[in-house]
Amino acid sequence: MEYKRKQRELSDTTKQKISAKLRGRCKSTTHKQNISKGLTDYWKSVPNAPNAQQ
């Protein structure tokens, strides 16, 4: 399966943009649990970025 992201880390600017876009949204408890499970499964398959200092 091919994913858009190749590593976990995002820039601070990107994190702020995502946060601003999602601020104020309401979700049901079931929806939150399903999102959490889906993201947990997704991120298990995305590797960490290699350390530049090694």
PDB file of N, CA and C in Angstrom:
ATOM      1  N   MET A   1       0.844  -1.173   0.000  1.00  0.00           N
ATOM      2  CA  MET A   1       0.000   0.000   0.000  1.00  0.00           C
ATOM      3  C   MET A   1       0.895   1.243   0.000  1.00  0.00           C
ATOM      4  N   GLU A   2       0.586   2.206  -0.810  1.00  0.00           N
ATOM      5  CA  GLU A   2       1.378   3.437  -0.921  1.00  0.00           C
ATOM      6  C   GLU A   2       0.694   4.567  -0.149  1.00  0.00           C
ATOM      7  N   TYR A   3       1.431   5.226   0.736  1.00  0.00           N
ATOM      8  CA  TYR A   3       0.905   6.331   1.531  1.00  0.00           C
ATOM      9  C   TYR A   3       1.494   7.648   1.049  1.00  0.00           C
ATOM     10  N   LYS A   4       0.816   8.748   1.353  1.00  0.00           N
ATOM     11  CA  LYS A   4       1.303  10.058   0.955  1.00  0.00           C
ATOM     12  C   LYS A   4       2.536  10.451   1.749  1.00  0.00           C
ATOM     13  N   ARG A   5       2.515  10.169   3.037  1.00  0.00           N
ATOM     14  CA  ARG A   5       3.661  10.531   3.875  1.00  0.00           C
ATOM     15  C   ARG A   5       4.705   9.433   3.843  1.00  0.00           C
ATOM     16  N   LYS A   6       5.957   9.844   3.911  1.00  0.00           N
ATOM     17  CA  LYS A   6       7.056   8.891   3.916  1.00  0.00           C
ATOM     18  C   LYS A   6       7.712   8.806   5.293  1.00  0.00           C
ATOM     19  N   GLN A   7       7.398   9.740   6.182  1.00  0.00           N
ATOM     20  CA  GLN A   7       7.928   9.742   7.547  1.00  0.00           C
ATOM     21  C   GLN A   7       6.959  10.469   8.454  1.00  0.00           C
ATOM     22  N   ARG A   8       7.155  10.372   9.772  1.00  0.00           N
ATOM     23  CA  ARG A   8       6.200  10.882  10.739  1.00  0.00           C
ATOM     24  C   ARG A   8       6.288  12.384  10.983  1.00  0.00           C
ATOM     25  N   GLU A   9       7.458  12.938  10.926  1.00  0.00           N
ATOM     26  CA  GLU A   9       7.673  14.318  11.347  1.00  0.00           C
ATOM     27  C   GLU A   9       7.051  15.331  10.388  1.00  0.00           C
ATOM     28  N   LEU A  10       6.449  16.382  10.964  1.00  0.00           N
ATOM     29  CA  LEU A  10       5.896  17.496  10.200  1.00  0.00           C
ATOM     30  C   LEU A  10       6.544  18.787  10.691  1.00  0.00           C
ATOM     31  N   SER A  11       6.563  19.797   9.847  1.00  0.00           N
ATOM     32  CA  SER A  11       7.096  21.087  10.276  1.00  0.00           C
ATOM     33  C   SER A  11       6.108  21.744  11.237  1.00  0.00           C
ATOM     34  N   ASP A  12       6.594  22.660  12.060  1.00  0.00           N
ATOM     35  CA  ASP A  12       5.725  23.360  13.011  1.00  0.00           C
ATOM     36  C   ASP A  12       4.655  24.177  12.293  1.00  0.00           C
ATOM     37  N   THR A  13       4.999  24.747  11.142  1.00  0.00           N
ATOM     38  CA  THR A  13       4.031  25.522  10.361  1.00  0.00           C
ATOM     39  C   THR A  13       2.871  24.636   9.916  1.00  0.00           C
ATOM     40  N   THR A  14       3.180  23.454   9.430  1.00  0.00           N
ATOM     41  CA  THR A  14       2.147  22.526   8.991  1.00  0.00           C
ATOM     42  C   THR A  14       1.262  22.112  10.156  1.00  0.00           C
ATOM     43  N   LYS A  15       1.859  21.833  11.304  1.00  0.00           N
ATOM     44  CA  LYS A  15       1.092  21.460  12.495  1.00  0.00           C
ATOM     45  C   LYS A  15       0.133  22.580  12.909  1.00  0.00           C
ATOM     46  N   GLN A  16       0.591  23.826  12.827  1.00  0.00           N
ATOM     47  CA  GLN A  16      -0.259  24.958  13.188  1.00  0.00           C
ATOM     48  C   GLN A  16      -1.427  25.109  12.212  1.00  0.00           C
ATOM     49  N   LYS A  17      -1.171  24.909  10.916  1.00  0.00           N
ATOM     50  CA  LYS A  17      -2.232  25.003   9.918  1.00  0.00           C
ATOM     51  C   LYS A  17      -3.299  23.928  10.143  1.00  0.00           C
ATOM     52  N   ILE A  18      -2.872  22.708  10.413  1.00  0.00           N
ATOM     53  CA  ILE A  18      -3.810  21.615  10.671  1.00  0.00           C
ATOM     54  C   ILE A  18      -4.628  21.915  11.919  1.00  0.00           C
ATOM     55  N   SER A  19      -3.968  22.371  12.963  1.00  0.00           N
ATOM     56  CA  SER A  19      -4.641  22.687  14.218  1.00  0.00           C
ATOM     57  C   SER A  19      -5.695  23.769  14.028  1.00  0.00           C
ATOM     58  N   ALA A  20      -5.352  24.823  13.291  1.00  0.00           N
ATOM     59  CA  ALA A  20      -6.287  25.927  13.057  1.00  0.00           C
ATOM     60  C   ALA A  20      -7.498  25.448  12.254  1.00  0.00           C
ATOM     61  N   LYS A  21      -7.282  24.598  11.293  1.00  0.00           N
ATOM     62  CA  LYS A  21      -8.369  24.104  10.446  1.00  0.00           C
ATOM     63  C   LYS A  21      -9.337  23.220  11.228  1.00  0.00           C
ATOM     64  N   LEU A  22      -8.823  22.435  12.166  1.00  0.00           N
ATOM     65  CA  LEU A  22      -9.657  21.486  12.905  1.00  0.00           C
ATOM     66  C   LEU A  22     -10.261  22.077  14.178  1.00  0.00           C
ATOM     67  N   ARG A  23      -9.836  23.251  14.572  1.00  0.00           N
ATOM     68  CA  ARG A  23     -10.304  23.869  15.814  1.00  0.00           C
ATOM     69  C   ARG A  23     -11.809  24.122  15.766  1.00  0.00           C
ATOM     70  N   GLY A  24     -12.510  23.742  16.849  1.00  0.00           N
ATOM     71  CA  GLY A  24     -13.930  24.022  16.968  1.00  0.00           C
ATOM     72  C   GLY A  24     -14.849  22.941  16.433  1.00  0.00           C
ATOM     73  N   ARG A  25     -14.325  21.881  15.864  1.00  0.00           N
ATOM     74  CA  ARG A  25     -15.163  20.809  15.339  1.00  0.00           C
ATOM     75  C   ARG A  25     -15.635  19.901  16.475  1.00  0.00           C
ATOM     76  N   CYS A  26     -16.845  19.386  16.377  1.00  0.00           N
ATOM     77  CA  CYS A  26     -17.395  18.460  17.370  1.00  0.00           C
ATOM     78  C   CYS A  26     -17.604  17.099  16.723  1.00  0.00           C
ATOM     79  N   LYS A  27     -17.267  16.044  17.473  1.00  0.00           N
ATOM     80  CA  LYS A  27     -17.440  14.683  16.984  1.00  0.00           C
ATOM     81  C   LYS A  27     -18.055  13.824  18.083  1.00  0.00           C
ATOM     82  N   SER A  28     -18.832  12.806  17.696  1.00  0.00           N
ATOM     83  CA  SER A  28     -19.416  11.892  18.677  1.00  0.00           C
ATOM     84  C   SER A  28     -18.322  10.996  19.256  1.00  0.00           C
ATOM     85  N   THR A  29     -18.611  10.367  20.386  1.00  0.00           N
ATOM     86  CA  THR A  29     -17.649   9.475  21.030  1.00  0.00           C
ATOM     87  C   THR A  29     -17.292   8.303  20.124  1.00  0.00           C
ATOM     88  N   THR A  30     -18.273   7.736  19.460  1.00  0.00           N
ATOM     89  CA  THR A  30     -18.025   6.619  18.541  1.00  0.00           C
ATOM     90  C   THR A  30     -17.135   7.056  17.387  1.00  0.00           C
ATOM     91  N   HIS A  31     -17.390   8.235  16.860  1.00  0.00           N
ATOM     92  CA  HIS A  31     -16.578   8.748  15.758  1.00  0.00           C
ATOM     93  C   HIS A  31     -15.131   8.953  16.219  1.00  0.00           C
ATOM     94  N   LYS A  32     -14.943   9.493  17.406  1.00  0.00           N
ATOM     95  CA  LYS A  32     -13.593   9.698  17.946  1.00  0.00           C
ATOM     96  C   LYS A  32     -12.847   8.372  18.091  1.00  0.00           C
ATOM     97  N   GLN A  33     -13.544   7.345  18.582  1.00  0.00           N
ATOM     98  CA  GLN A  33     -12.920   6.032  18.755  1.00  0.00           C
ATOM     99  C   GLN A  33     -12.520   5.429  17.407  1.00  0.00           C
ATOM    100  N   ASN A  34     -13.395   5.566  16.418  1.00  0.00           N
ATOM    101  CA  ASN A  34     -13.084   5.036  15.091  1.00  0.00           C
ATOM    102  C   ASN A  34     -11.916   5.775  14.441  1.00  0.00           C
ATOM    103  N   ILE A  35     -11.859   7.085  14.613  1.00  0.00           N
ATOM    104  CA  ILE A  35     -10.738   7.868  14.090  1.00  0.00           C
ATOM    105  C   ILE A  35      -9.448   7.434  14.773  1.00  0.00           C
ATOM    106  N   SER A  36      -9.493   7.293  16.080  1.00  0.00           N
ATOM    107  CA  SER A  36      -8.316   6.897  16.848  1.00  0.00           C
ATOM    108  C   SER A  36      -7.794   5.535  16.395  1.00  0.00           C
ATOM    109  N   LYS A  37      -8.680   4.575  16.238  1.00  0.00           N
ATOM    110  CA  LYS A  37      -8.278   3.240  15.806  1.00  0.00           C
ATOM    111  C   LYS A  37      -7.671   3.279  14.404  1.00  0.00           C
ATOM    112  N   GLY A  38      -8.300   4.012  13.507  1.00  0.00           N
ATOM    113  CA  GLY A  38      -7.790   4.105  12.141  1.00  0.00           C
ATOM    114  C   GLY A  38      -6.422   4.748  12.069  1.00  0.00           C
ATOM    115  N   LEU A  39      -6.229   5.834  12.828  1.00  0.00           N
ATOM    116  CA  LEU A  39      -4.926   6.510  12.818  1.00  0.00           C
ATOM    117  C   LEU A  39      -3.850   5.659  13.485  1.00  0.00           C
ATOM    118  N   THR A  40      -4.214   4.958  14.560  1.00  0.00           N
ATOM    119  CA  THR A  40      -3.254   4.076  15.233  1.00  0.00           C
ATOM    120  C   THR A  40      -2.771   3.000  14.259  1.00  0.00           C
ATOM    121  N   ASP A  41      -3.696   2.374  13.543  1.00  0.00           N
ATOM    122  CA  ASP A  41      -3.331   1.351  12.566  1.00  0.00           C
ATOM    123  C   ASP A  41      -2.473   1.936  11.441  1.00  0.00           C
ATOM    124  N   TYR A  42      -2.827   3.137  10.972  1.00  0.00           N
ATOM    125  CA  TYR A  42      -2.066   3.788   9.899  1.00  0.00           C
ATOM    126  C   TYR A  42      -0.633   4.088  10.324  1.00  0.00           C
ATOM    127  N   TRP A  43      -0.467   4.713  11.496  1.00  0.00           N
ATOM    128  CA  TRP A  43       0.864   5.139  11.912  1.00  0.00           C
ATOM    129  C   TRP A  43       1.774   3.989  12.301  1.00  0.00           C
ATOM    130  N   LYS A  44       1.231   2.815  12.562  1.00  0.00           N
ATOM    131  CA  LYS A  44       2.064   1.634  12.822  1.00  0.00           C
ATOM    132  C   LYS A  44       2.873   1.268  11.586  1.00  0.00           C
ATOM    133  N   SER A  45       2.370   1.615  10.407  1.00  0.00           N
ATOM    134  CA  SER A  45       3.033   1.226   9.166  1.00  0.00           C
ATOM    135  C   SER A  45       3.943   2.315   8.591  1.00  0.00           C
ATOM    136  N   VAL A  46       3.970   3.519   9.187  1.00  0.00           N
ATOM    137  CA  VAL A  46       4.799   4.612   8.674  1.00  0.00           C
ATOM    138  C   VAL A  46       6.060   4.706   9.536  1.00  0.00           C
ATOM    139  N   PRO A  47       7.241   4.554   8.950  1.00  0.00           N
ATOM    140  CA  PRO A  47       8.485   4.559   9.733  1.00  0.00           C
ATOM    141  C   PRO A  47       8.899   5.962  10.187  1.00  0.00           C
ATOM    142  N   ASN A  48       9.738   6.004  11.220  1.00  0.00           N
ATOM    143  CA  ASN A  48      10.330   7.260  11.667  1.00  0.00           C
ATOM    144  C   ASN A  48      11.370   7.715  10.653  1.00  0.00           C
ATOM    145  N   ALA A  49      11.646   9.010  10.645  1.00  0.00           N
ATOM    146  CA  ALA A  49      12.686   9.547   9.765  1.00  0.00           C
ATOM    147  C   ALA A  49      14.053   9.111  10.306  1.00  0.00           C
ATOM    148  N   PRO A  50      14.981   8.817   9.423  1.00  0.00           N
ATOM    149  CA  PRO A  50      16.325   8.472   9.898  1.00  0.00           C
ATOM    150  C   PRO A  50      16.989   9.683  10.539  1.00  0.00           C
ATOM    151  N   ASN A  51      17.782   9.460  11.574  1.00  0.00           N
ATOM    152  CA  ASN A  51      18.483  10.563  12.244  1.00  0.00           C
ATOM    153  C   ASN A  51      19.641  11.018  11.383  1.00  0.00           C
ATOM    154  N   ALA A  52      19.754  12.331  11.227  1.00  0.00           N
ATOM    155  CA  ALA A  52      20.806  12.903  10.387  1.00  0.00           C
ATOM    156  C   ALA A  52      22.174  12.808  11.054  1.00  0.00           C
ATOM    157  N   GLN A  53      22.216  12.683  12.383  1.00  0.00           N
ATOM    158  CA  GLN A  53      23.489  12.699  13.105  1.00  0.00           C
ATOM    159  C   GLN A  53      24.154  11.336  13.158  1.00  0.00           C
ATOM    160  N   GLN A  54      23.489  10.284  12.790  1.00  0.00           N
ATOM    161  CA  GLN A  54      24.075   8.943  12.900  1.00  0.00           C
ATOM    162  C   GLN A  54      24.945   8.619  11.726  1.00  0.00           C
TER     163      GLN A  54
END
